[in-house]
Amino acid sequence: MNKLEIITENYPDEEFLSADGFEDAIIGVAEIKQINERVLVYSRTLCIDILMQRDKMSYDEAVEYFDFNVEGAFMGEKTPIWVDDDMVQTFEDDEG
């Protein structure tokens, strides 16, 4: 069972918009209180890794594609959130 299936099972009354092909980059669910909606949360780093591995893109190509075609695609109030977790991983590597 992938993360999207687990989330869907745990939130049976919610409808989520997902980014096709990036299921392995889902890291959770966020509640946006101002509009009373729950949305999927994705790791930007994992999305870029998926593009590099799956589509054989270079890092720069993957970042450009992600920024414009994935993160830049607004789908309404249920649009997923993209967490820029690269800085966190860099910090953890430095702390090593």
PDB file of N, CA and C in Angstrom:
ATOM      1  N   MET A   1       0.855  -1.179   0.000  1.00  0.00           N
ATOM      2  CA  MET A   1       0.000   0.000   0.000  1.00  0.00           C
ATOM      3  C   MET A   1       0.902   1.244   0.000  1.00  0.00           C
ATOM      4  N   ASN A   2       0.683   2.168  -0.947  1.00  0.00           N
ATOM      5  CA  ASN A   2       1.502   3.376  -0.992  1.00  0.00           C
ATOM      6  C   ASN A   2       0.935   4.459  -0.060  1.00  0.00           C
ATOM      7  N   LYS A   3       1.663   5.551   0.080  1.00  0.00           N
ATOM      8  CA  LYS A   3       1.265   6.604   1.014  1.00  0.00           C
ATOM      9  C   LYS A   3      -0.080   7.227   0.660  1.00  0.00           C
ATOM     10  N   LEU A   4      -0.323   7.407  -0.623  1.00  0.00           N
ATOM     11  CA  LEU A   4      -1.594   7.992  -1.041  1.00  0.00           C
ATOM     12  C   LEU A   4      -2.757   7.096  -0.648  1.00  0.00           C
ATOM     13  N   GLU A   5      -2.601   5.797  -0.814  1.00  0.00           N
ATOM     14  CA  GLU A   5      -3.656   4.855  -0.412  1.00  0.00           C
ATOM     15  C   GLU A   5      -3.870   4.883   1.089  1.00  0.00           C
ATOM     16  N   ILE A   6      -2.797   4.968   1.856  1.00  0.00           N
ATOM     17  CA  ILE A   6      -2.907   5.037   3.316  1.00  0.00           C
ATOM     18  C   ILE A   6      -3.629   6.310   3.736  1.00  0.00           C
ATOM     19  N   ILE A   7      -3.254   7.435   3.134  1.00  0.00           N
ATOM     20  CA  ILE A   7      -3.899   8.713   3.464  1.00  0.00           C
ATOM     21  C   ILE A   7      -5.378   8.667   3.090  1.00  0.00           C
ATOM     22  N   THR A   8      -5.684   8.164   1.911  1.00  0.00           N
ATOM     23  CA  THR A   8      -7.076   8.075   1.469  1.00  0.00           C
ATOM     24  C   THR A   8      -7.892   7.204   2.420  1.00  0.00           C
ATOM     25  N   GLU A   9      -7.280   6.140   2.903  1.00  0.00           N
ATOM     26  CA  GLU A   9      -7.959   5.254   3.846  1.00  0.00           C
ATOM     27  C   GLU A   9      -8.192   5.944   5.196  1.00  0.00           C
ATOM     28  N   ASN A  10      -7.224   6.762   5.623  1.00  0.00           N
ATOM     29  CA  ASN A  10      -7.336   7.444   6.906  1.00  0.00           C
ATOM     30  C   ASN A  10      -8.212   8.698   6.864  1.00  0.00           C
ATOM     31  N   TYR A  11      -8.463   9.209   5.671  1.00  0.00           N
ATOM     32  CA  TYR A  11      -9.320  10.376   5.481  1.00  0.00           C
ATOM     33  C   TYR A  11     -10.411  10.026   4.463  1.00  0.00           C
ATOM     34  N   PRO A  12     -11.322   9.108   4.831  1.00  0.00           N
ATOM     35  CA  PRO A  12     -12.299   8.609   3.853  1.00  0.00           C
ATOM     36  C   PRO A  12     -13.268   9.669   3.334  1.00  0.00           C
ATOM     37  N   ASP A  13     -13.480  10.733   4.080  1.00  0.00           N
ATOM     38  CA  ASP A  13     -14.429  11.768   3.663  1.00  0.00           C
ATOM     39  C   ASP A  13     -13.770  12.915   2.914  1.00  0.00           C
ATOM     40  N   GLU A  14     -12.452  12.836   2.706  1.00  0.00           N
ATOM     41  CA  GLU A  14     -11.713  13.902   2.028  1.00  0.00           C
ATOM     42  C   GLU A  14     -11.435  13.527   0.579  1.00  0.00           C
ATOM     43  N   GLU A  15     -11.424  14.541  -0.264  1.00  0.00           N
ATOM     44  CA  GLU A  15     -11.001  14.364  -1.652  1.00  0.00           C
ATOM     45  C   GLU A  15      -9.690  15.114  -1.814  1.00  0.00           C
ATOM     46  N   PHE A  16      -8.655  14.408  -2.262  1.00  0.00           N
ATOM     47  CA  PHE A  16      -7.333  15.010  -2.427  1.00  0.00           C
ATOM     48  C   PHE A  16      -6.965  15.098  -3.898  1.00  0.00           C
ATOM     49  N   LEU A  17      -6.322  16.193  -4.269  1.00  0.00           N
ATOM     50  CA  LEU A  17      -5.711  16.296  -5.587  1.00  0.00           C
ATOM     51  C   LEU A  17      -4.270  15.826  -5.441  1.00  0.00           C
ATOM     52  N   SER A  18      -3.854  14.958  -6.337  1.00  0.00           N
ATOM     53  CA  SER A  18      -2.492  14.443  -6.248  1.00  0.00           C
ATOM     54  C   SER A  18      -1.736  14.732  -7.532  1.00  0.00           C
ATOM     55  N   ALA A  19      -0.428  14.735  -7.415  1.00  0.00           N
ATOM     56  CA  ALA A  19       0.452  14.929  -8.563  1.00  0.00           C
ATOM     57  C   ALA A  19       0.809  13.551  -9.110  1.00  0.00           C
ATOM     58  N   ASP A  20       0.299  13.234 -10.289  1.00  0.00           N
ATOM     59  CA  ASP A  20       0.523  11.917 -10.884  1.00  0.00           C
ATOM     60  C   ASP A  20       2.016  11.617 -11.023  1.00  0.00           C
ATOM     61  N   GLY A  21       2.383  10.433 -10.584  1.00  0.00           N
ATOM     62  CA  GLY A  21       3.765   9.989 -10.723  1.00  0.00           C
ATOM     63  C   GLY A  21       4.671  10.374  -9.566  1.00  0.00           C
ATOM     64  N   PHE A  22       4.129  11.102  -8.595  1.00  0.00           N
ATOM     65  CA  PHE A  22       4.941  11.543  -7.466  1.00  0.00           C
ATOM     66  C   PHE A  22       4.444  10.977  -6.128  1.00  0.00           C
ATOM     67  N   GLU A  23       3.760   9.858  -6.171  1.00  0.00           N
ATOM     68  CA  GLU A  23       3.202   9.254  -4.965  1.00  0.00           C
ATOM     69  C   GLU A  23       4.270   8.981  -3.899  1.00  0.00           C
ATOM     70  N   ASP A  24       5.479   8.604  -4.336  1.00  0.00           N
ATOM     71  CA  ASP A  24       6.545   8.294  -3.389  1.00  0.00           C
ATOM     72  C   ASP A  24       7.134   9.534  -2.729  1.00  0.00           C
ATOM     73  N   ALA A  25       6.726  10.715  -3.175  1.00  0.00           N
ATOM     74  CA  ALA A  25       7.222  11.964  -2.582  1.00  0.00           C
ATOM     75  C   ALA A  25       6.240  12.556  -1.584  1.00  0.00           C
ATOM     76  N   ILE A  26       5.104  11.903  -1.376  1.00  0.00           N
ATOM     77  CA  ILE A  26       4.124  12.389  -0.393  1.00  0.00           C
ATOM     78  C   ILE A  26       4.696  12.212   1.002  1.00  0.00           C
ATOM     79  N   ILE A  27       4.605  13.272   1.806  1.00  0.00           N
ATOM     80  CA  ILE A  27       5.099  13.180   3.186  1.00  0.00           C
ATOM     81  C   ILE A  27       3.994  13.387   4.221  1.00  0.00           C
ATOM     82  N   GLY A  28       2.784  13.713   3.771  1.00  0.00           N
ATOM     83  CA  GLY A  28       1.704  13.852   4.731  1.00  0.00           C
ATOM     84  C   GLY A  28       0.544  14.677   4.210  1.00  0.00           C
ATOM     85  N   VAL A  29      -0.222  15.177   5.180  1.00  0.00           N
ATOM     86  CA  VAL A  29      -1.415  15.968   4.909  1.00  0.00           C
ATOM     87  C   VAL A  29      -1.324  17.238   5.746  1.00  0.00           C
ATOM     88  N   ALA A  30      -1.713  18.360   5.149  1.00  0.00           N
ATOM     89  CA  ALA A  30      -1.761  19.626   5.878  1.00  0.00           C
ATOM     90  C   ALA A  30      -3.199  20.120   5.886  1.00  0.00           C
ATOM     91  N   GLU A  31      -3.566  20.752   6.984  1.00  0.00           N
ATOM     92  CA  GLU A  31      -4.883  21.371   7.065  1.00  0.00           C
ATOM     93  C   GLU A  31      -4.708  22.876   6.932  1.00  0.00           C
ATOM     94  N   ILE A  32      -5.398  23.443   5.975  1.00  0.00           N
ATOM     95  CA  ILE A  32      -5.363  24.885   5.783  1.00  0.00           C
ATOM     96  C   ILE A  32      -6.617  25.439   6.449  1.00  0.00           C
ATOM     97  N   LYS A  33      -6.443  25.912   7.658  1.00  0.00           N
ATOM     98  CA  LYS A  33      -7.576  26.327   8.491  1.00  0.00           C
ATOM     99  C   LYS A  33      -8.377  27.470   7.874  1.00  0.00           C
ATOM    100  N   GLN A  34      -7.699  28.405   7.204  1.00  0.00           N
ATOM    101  CA  GLN A  34      -8.381  29.574   6.655  1.00  0.00           C
ATOM    102  C   GLN A  34      -9.470  29.205   5.650  1.00  0.00           C
ATOM    103  N   ILE A  35      -9.277  28.102   4.950  1.00  0.00           N
ATOM    104  CA  ILE A  35     -10.274  27.681   3.966  1.00  0.00           C
ATOM    105  C   ILE A  35     -10.883  26.319   4.314  1.00  0.00           C
ATOM    106  N   ASN A  36     -10.538  25.809   5.496  1.00  0.00           N
ATOM    107  CA  ASN A  36     -11.083  24.547   5.998  1.00  0.00           C
ATOM    108  C   ASN A  36     -10.905  23.398   4.999  1.00  0.00           C
ATOM    109  N   GLU A  37      -9.681  23.247   4.513  1.00  0.00           N
ATOM    110  CA  GLU A  37      -9.353  22.196   3.552  1.00  0.00           C
ATOM    111  C   GLU A  37      -8.117  21.435   4.003  1.00  0.00           C
ATOM    112  N   ARG A  38      -8.060  20.166   3.638  1.00  0.00           N
ATOM    113  CA  ARG A  38      -6.860  19.353   3.825  1.00  0.00           C
ATOM    114  C   ARG A  38      -6.264  19.089   2.447  1.00  0.00           C
ATOM    115  N   VAL A  39      -4.936  19.186   2.372  1.00  0.00           N
ATOM    116  CA  VAL A  39      -4.242  18.977   1.101  1.00  0.00           C
ATOM    117  C   VAL A  39      -3.049  18.051   1.322  1.00  0.00           C
ATOM    118  N   LEU A  40      -2.635  17.409   0.248  1.00  0.00           N
ATOM    119  CA  LEU A  40      -1.442  16.568   0.313  1.00  0.00           C
ATOM    120  C   LEU A  40      -0.198  17.438   0.399  1.00  0.00           C
ATOM    121  N   VAL A  41       0.809  16.906   1.079  1.00  0.00           N
ATOM    122  CA  VAL A  41       2.093  17.586   1.220  1.00  0.00           C
ATOM    123  C   VAL A  41       3.161  16.695   0.600  1.00  0.00           C
ATOM    124  N   TYR A  42       3.973  17.313  -0.270  1.00  0.00           N
ATOM    125  CA  TYR A  42       5.028  16.601  -0.977  1.00  0.00           C
ATOM    126  C   TYR A  42       6.394  17.160  -0.618  1.00  0.00           C
ATOM    127  N   SER A  43       7.390  16.308  -0.657  1.00  0.00           N
ATOM    128  CA  SER A  43       8.784  16.721  -0.529  1.00  0.00           C
ATOM    129  C   SER A  43       9.280  17.172  -1.894  1.00  0.00           C
ATOM    130  N   ARG A  44       9.701  18.431  -1.977  1.00  0.00           N
ATOM    131  CA  ARG A  44      10.252  18.961  -3.229  1.00  0.00           C
ATOM    132  C   ARG A  44      11.495  18.159  -3.631  1.00  0.00           C
ATOM    133  N   THR A  45      12.341  17.837  -2.660  1.00  0.00           N
ATOM    134  CA  THR A  45      13.563  17.077  -2.917  1.00  0.00           C
ATOM    135  C   THR A  45      13.255  15.706  -3.510  1.00  0.00           C
ATOM    136  N   LEU A  46      12.279  15.016  -2.935  1.00  0.00           N
ATOM    137  CA  LEU A  46      11.926  13.690  -3.455  1.00  0.00           C
ATOM    138  C   LEU A  46      11.311  13.785  -4.849  1.00  0.00           C
ATOM    139  N   CYS A  47      10.537  14.835  -5.120  1.00  0.00           N
ATOM    140  CA  CYS A  47       9.974  15.030  -6.461  1.00  0.00           C
ATOM    141  C   CYS A  47      11.085  15.200  -7.490  1.00  0.00           C
ATOM    142  N   ILE A  48      12.070  16.000  -7.148  1.00  0.00           N
ATOM    143  CA  ILE A  48      13.191  16.225  -8.069  1.00  0.00           C
ATOM    144  C   ILE A  48      13.979  14.929  -8.262  1.00  0.00           C
ATOM    145  N   ASP A  49      14.172  14.170  -7.189  1.00  0.00           N
ATOM    146  CA  ASP A  49      14.843  12.868  -7.305  1.00  0.00           C
ATOM    147  C   ASP A  49      14.073  11.934  -8.236  1.00  0.00           C
ATOM    148  N   ILE A  50      12.751  11.938  -8.129  1.00  0.00           N
ATOM    149  CA  ILE A  50      11.924  11.094  -9.001  1.00  0.00           C
ATOM    150  C   ILE A  50      12.126  11.482 -10.455  1.00  0.00           C
ATOM    151  N   LEU A  51      12.111  12.780 -10.747  1.00  0.00           N
ATOM    152  CA  LEU A  51      12.320  13.236 -12.128  1.00  0.00           C
ATOM    153  C   LEU A  51      13.694  12.819 -12.647  1.00  0.00           C
ATOM    154  N   MET A  52      14.703  12.903 -11.804  1.00  0.00           N
ATOM    155  CA  MET A  52      16.053  12.535 -12.228  1.00  0.00           C
ATOM    156  C   MET A  52      16.149  11.038 -12.509  1.00  0.00           C
ATOM    157  N   GLN A  53      15.557  10.230 -11.654  1.00  0.00           N
ATOM    158  CA  GLN A  53      15.647   8.783 -11.822  1.00  0.00           C
ATOM    159  C   GLN A  53      14.695   8.265 -12.899  1.00  0.00           C
ATOM    160  N   ARG A  54      13.447   8.652 -12.793  1.00  0.00           N
ATOM    161  CA  ARG A  54      12.424   8.140 -13.705  1.00  0.00           C
ATOM    162  C   ARG A  54      12.589   8.661 -15.130  1.00  0.00           C
ATOM    163  N   ASP A  55      12.843   9.968 -15.236  1.00  0.00           N
ATOM    164  CA  ASP A  55      12.877  10.611 -16.552  1.00  0.00           C
ATOM    165  C   ASP A  55      14.288  10.903 -17.039  1.00  0.00           C
ATOM    166  N   LYS A  56      15.272  10.443 -16.271  1.00  0.00           N
ATOM    167  CA  LYS A  56      16.690  10.597 -16.655  1.00  0.00           C
ATOM    168  C   LYS A  56      17.077  12.062 -16.894  1.00  0.00           C
ATOM    169  N   MET A  57      16.536  12.961 -16.078  1.00  0.00           N
ATOM    170  CA  MET A  57      16.867  14.384 -16.184  1.00  0.00           C
ATOM    171  C   MET A  57      18.099  14.686 -15.352  1.00  0.00           C
ATOM    172  N   SER A  58      18.826  15.711 -15.757  1.00  0.00           N
ATOM    173  CA  SER A  58      19.895  16.210 -14.898  1.00  0.00           C
ATOM    174  C   SER A  58      19.231  16.947 -13.734  1.00  0.00           C
ATOM    175  N   TYR A  59      20.019  17.266 -12.718  1.00  0.00           N
ATOM    176  CA  TYR A  59      19.468  18.001 -11.576  1.00  0.00           C
ATOM    177  C   TYR A  59      18.846  19.325 -12.036  1.00  0.00           C
ATOM    178  N   ASP A  60      19.567  20.087 -12.840  1.00  0.00           N
ATOM    179  CA  ASP A  60      19.065  21.388 -13.304  1.00  0.00           C
ATOM    180  C   ASP A  60      17.798  21.243 -14.145  1.00  0.00           C
ATOM    181  N   GLU A  61      17.759  20.238 -15.010  1.00  0.00           N
ATOM    182  CA  GLU A  61      16.555  19.996 -15.811  1.00  0.00           C
ATOM    183  C   GLU A  61      15.371  19.635 -14.920  1.00  0.00           C
ATOM    184  N   ALA A  62      15.621  18.794 -13.932  1.00  0.00           N
ATOM    185  CA  ALA A  62      14.552  18.371 -13.024  1.00  0.00           C
ATOM    186  C   ALA A  62      14.013  19.543 -12.219  1.00  0.00           C
ATOM    187  N   VAL A  63      14.901  20.401 -11.727  1.00  0.00           N
ATOM    188  CA  VAL A  63      14.468  21.571 -10.955  1.00  0.00           C
ATOM    189  C   VAL A  63      13.627  22.492 -11.834  1.00  0.00           C
ATOM    190  N   GLU A  64      14.103  22.761 -13.039  1.00  0.00           N
ATOM    191  CA  GLU A  64      13.360  23.647 -13.936  1.00  0.00           C
ATOM    192  C   GLU A  64      11.995  23.059 -14.271  1.00  0.00           C
ATOM    193  N   TYR A  65      11.952  21.766 -14.595  1.00  0.00           N
ATOM    194  CA  TYR A  65      10.689  21.106 -14.918  1.00  0.00           C
ATOM    195  C   TYR A  65       9.745  21.151 -13.715  1.00  0.00           C
ATOM    196  N   PHE A  66      10.263  20.806 -12.548  1.00  0.00           N
ATOM    197  CA  PHE A  66       9.442  20.791 -11.345  1.00  0.00           C
ATOM    198  C   PHE A  66       8.879  22.175 -11.046  1.00  0.00           C
ATOM    199  N   ASP A  67       9.748  23.179 -11.054  1.00  0.00           N
ATOM    200  CA  ASP A  67       9.314  24.539 -10.724  1.00  0.00           C
ATOM    201  C   ASP A  67       8.185  25.015 -11.633  1.00  0.00           C
ATOM    202  N   PHE A  68       8.300  24.750 -12.916  1.00  0.00           N
ATOM    203  CA  PHE A  68       7.327  25.270 -13.870  1.00  0.00           C
ATOM    204  C   PHE A  68       6.092  24.378 -13.997  1.00  0.00           C
ATOM    205  N   ASN A  69       6.301  23.064 -14.153  1.00  0.00           N
ATOM    206  CA  ASN A  69       5.207  22.155 -14.510  1.00  0.00           C
ATOM    207  C   ASN A  69       4.513  21.477 -13.336  1.00  0.00           C
ATOM    208  N   VAL A  70       5.180  21.371 -12.215  1.00  0.00           N
ATOM    209  CA  VAL A  70       4.582  20.673 -11.077  1.00  0.00           C
ATOM    210  C   VAL A  70       4.195  21.689 -10.005  1.00  0.00           C
ATOM    211  N   GLU A  71       5.174  22.305  -9.401  1.00  0.00           N
ATOM    212  CA  GLU A  71       4.890  23.276  -8.338  1.00  0.00           C
ATOM    213  C   GLU A  71       4.106  24.471  -8.877  1.00  0.00           C
ATOM    214  N   GLY A  72       4.347  24.847 -10.116  1.00  0.00           N
ATOM    215  CA  GLY A  72       3.692  26.006 -10.699  1.00  0.00           C
ATOM    216  C   GLY A  72       2.272  25.760 -11.186  1.00  0.00           C
ATOM    217  N   ALA A  73       1.799  24.530 -11.103  1.00  0.00           N
ATOM    218  CA  ALA A  73       0.453  24.196 -11.578  1.00  0.00           C
ATOM    219  C   ALA A  73      -0.561  24.388 -10.455  1.00  0.00           C
ATOM    220  N   PHE A  74      -1.329  25.466 -10.522  1.00  0.00           N
ATOM    221  CA  PHE A  74      -2.365  25.718  -9.515  1.00  0.00           C
ATOM    222  C   PHE A  74      -3.644  25.014  -9.933  1.00  0.00           C
ATOM    223  N   MET A  75      -4.193  24.200  -9.012  1.00  0.00           N
ATOM    224  CA  MET A  75      -5.384  23.413  -9.318  1.00  0.00           C
ATOM    225  C   MET A  75      -6.561  23.775  -8.419  1.00  0.00           C
ATOM    226  N   GLY A  76      -6.528  24.966  -7.842  1.00  0.00           N
ATOM    227  CA  GLY A  76      -7.605  25.384  -6.958  1.00  0.00           C
ATOM    228  C   GLY A  76      -7.239  25.185  -5.498  1.00  0.00           C
ATOM    229  N   GLU A  77      -8.253  25.255  -4.658  1.00  0.00           N
ATOM    230  CA  GLU A  77      -8.031  25.196  -3.210  1.00  0.00           C
ATOM    231  C   GLU A  77      -7.400  23.887  -2.740  1.00  0.00           C
ATOM    232  N   LYS A  78      -7.543  22.831  -3.489  1.00  0.00           N
ATOM    233  CA  LYS A  78      -6.990  21.524  -3.106  1.00  0.00           C
ATOM    234  C   LYS A  78      -5.588  21.286  -3.667  1.00  0.00           C
ATOM    235  N   THR A  79      -4.970  22.327  -4.248  1.00  0.00           N
ATOM    236  CA  THR A  79      -3.618  22.185  -4.788  1.00  0.00           C
ATOM    237  C   THR A  79      -2.677  21.724  -3.676  1.00  0.00           C
ATOM    238  N   PRO A  80      -1.866  20.698  -3.932  1.00  0.00           N
ATOM    239  CA  PRO A  80      -0.932  20.216  -2.911  1.00  0.00           C
ATOM    240  C   PRO A  80       0.080  21.284  -2.498  1.00  0.00           C
ATOM    241  N   ILE A  81       0.700  21.035  -1.362  1.00  0.00           N
ATOM    242  CA  ILE A  81       1.765  21.884  -0.838  1.00  0.00           C
ATOM    243  C   ILE A  81       3.097  21.180  -1.116  1.00  0.00           C
ATOM    244  N   TRP A  82       4.095  21.973  -1.500  1.00  0.00           N
ATOM    245  CA  TRP A  82       5.426  21.446  -1.811  1.00  0.00           C
ATOM    246  C   TRP A  82       6.394  21.982  -0.765  1.00  0.00           C
ATOM    247  N   VAL A  83       6.942  21.112   0.061  1.00  0.00           N
ATOM    248  CA  VAL A  83       7.875  21.508   1.111  1.00  0.00           C
ATOM    249  C   VAL A  83       9.292  21.523   0.556  1.00  0.00           C
ATOM    250  N   ASP A  84       9.952  22.664   0.701  1.00  0.00           N
ATOM    251  CA  ASP A  84      11.349  22.785   0.264  1.00  0.00           C
ATOM    252  C   ASP A  84      12.219  22.238   1.392  1.00  0.00           C
ATOM    253  N   ASP A  85      12.456  20.948   1.368  1.00  0.00           N
ATOM    254  CA  ASP A  85      13.183  20.271   2.438  1.00  0.00           C
ATOM    255  C   ASP A  85      14.655  20.075   2.120  1.00  0.00           C
ATOM    256  N   ASP A  86      15.134  20.628   1.030  1.00  0.00           N
ATOM    257  CA  ASP A  86      16.545  20.510   0.670  1.00  0.00           C
ATOM    258  C   ASP A  86      17.424  21.171   1.720  1.00  0.00           C
ATOM    259  N   MET A  87      16.983  22.315   2.240  1.00  0.00           N
ATOM    260  CA  MET A  87      17.757  23.021   3.245  1.00  0.00           C
ATOM    261  C   MET A  87      17.870  22.181   4.519  1.00  0.00           C
ATOM    262  N   VAL A  88      16.825  21.469   4.876  1.00  0.00           N
ATOM    263  CA  VAL A  88      16.844  20.634   6.079  1.00  0.00           C
ATOM    264  C   VAL A  88      17.846  19.509   5.905  1.00  0.00           C
ATOM    265  N   GLN A  89      17.846  18.867   4.734  1.00  0.00           N
ATOM    266  CA  GLN A  89      18.790  17.772   4.494  1.00  0.00           C
ATOM    267  C   GLN A  89      20.218  18.281   4.491  1.00  0.00           C
ATOM    268  N   THR A  90      20.427  19.461   3.935  1.00  0.00           N
ATOM    269  CA  THR A  90      21.774  20.049   3.940  1.00  0.00           C
ATOM    270  C   THR A  90      22.243  20.315   5.355  1.00  0.00           C
ATOM    271  N   PHE A  91      21.346  20.844   6.190  1.00  0.00           N
ATOM    272  CA  PHE A  91      21.669  21.135   7.574  1.00  0.00           C
ATOM    273  C   PHE A  91      22.015  19.833   8.310  1.00  0.00           C
ATOM    274  N   GLU A  92      21.220  18.782   8.095  1.00  0.00           N
ATOM    275  CA  GLU A  92      21.487  17.503   8.745  1.00  0.00           C
ATOM    276  C   GLU A  92      22.825  16.932   8.305  1.00  0.00           C
ATOM    277  N   ASP A  93      23.155  17.091   7.025  1.00  0.00           N
ATOM    278  CA  ASP A  93      24.449  16.613   6.517  1.00  0.00           C
ATOM    279  C   ASP A  93      25.591  17.370   7.184  1.00  0.00           C
ATOM    280  N   ASP A  94      25.436  18.669   7.372  1.00  0.00           N
ATOM    281  CA  ASP A  94      26.471  19.485   8.002  1.00  0.00           C
ATOM    282  C   ASP A  94      26.667  19.115   9.473  1.00  0.00           C
ATOM    283  N   GLU A  95      25.557  18.758  10.134  1.00  0.00           N
ATOM    284  CA  GLU A  95      25.618  18.397  11.547  1.00  0.00           C
ATOM    285  C   GLU A  95      26.271  17.031  11.734  1.00  0.00           C
ATOM    286  N   GLY A  96      26.086  16.157  10.716  1.00  0.00           N
ATOM    287  CA  GLY A  96      26.596  14.807  10.608  1.00  0.00           C
ATOM    288  C   GLY A  96      27.062  14.213  11.814  1.00  0.00           C
TER     289      GLY A  96
END
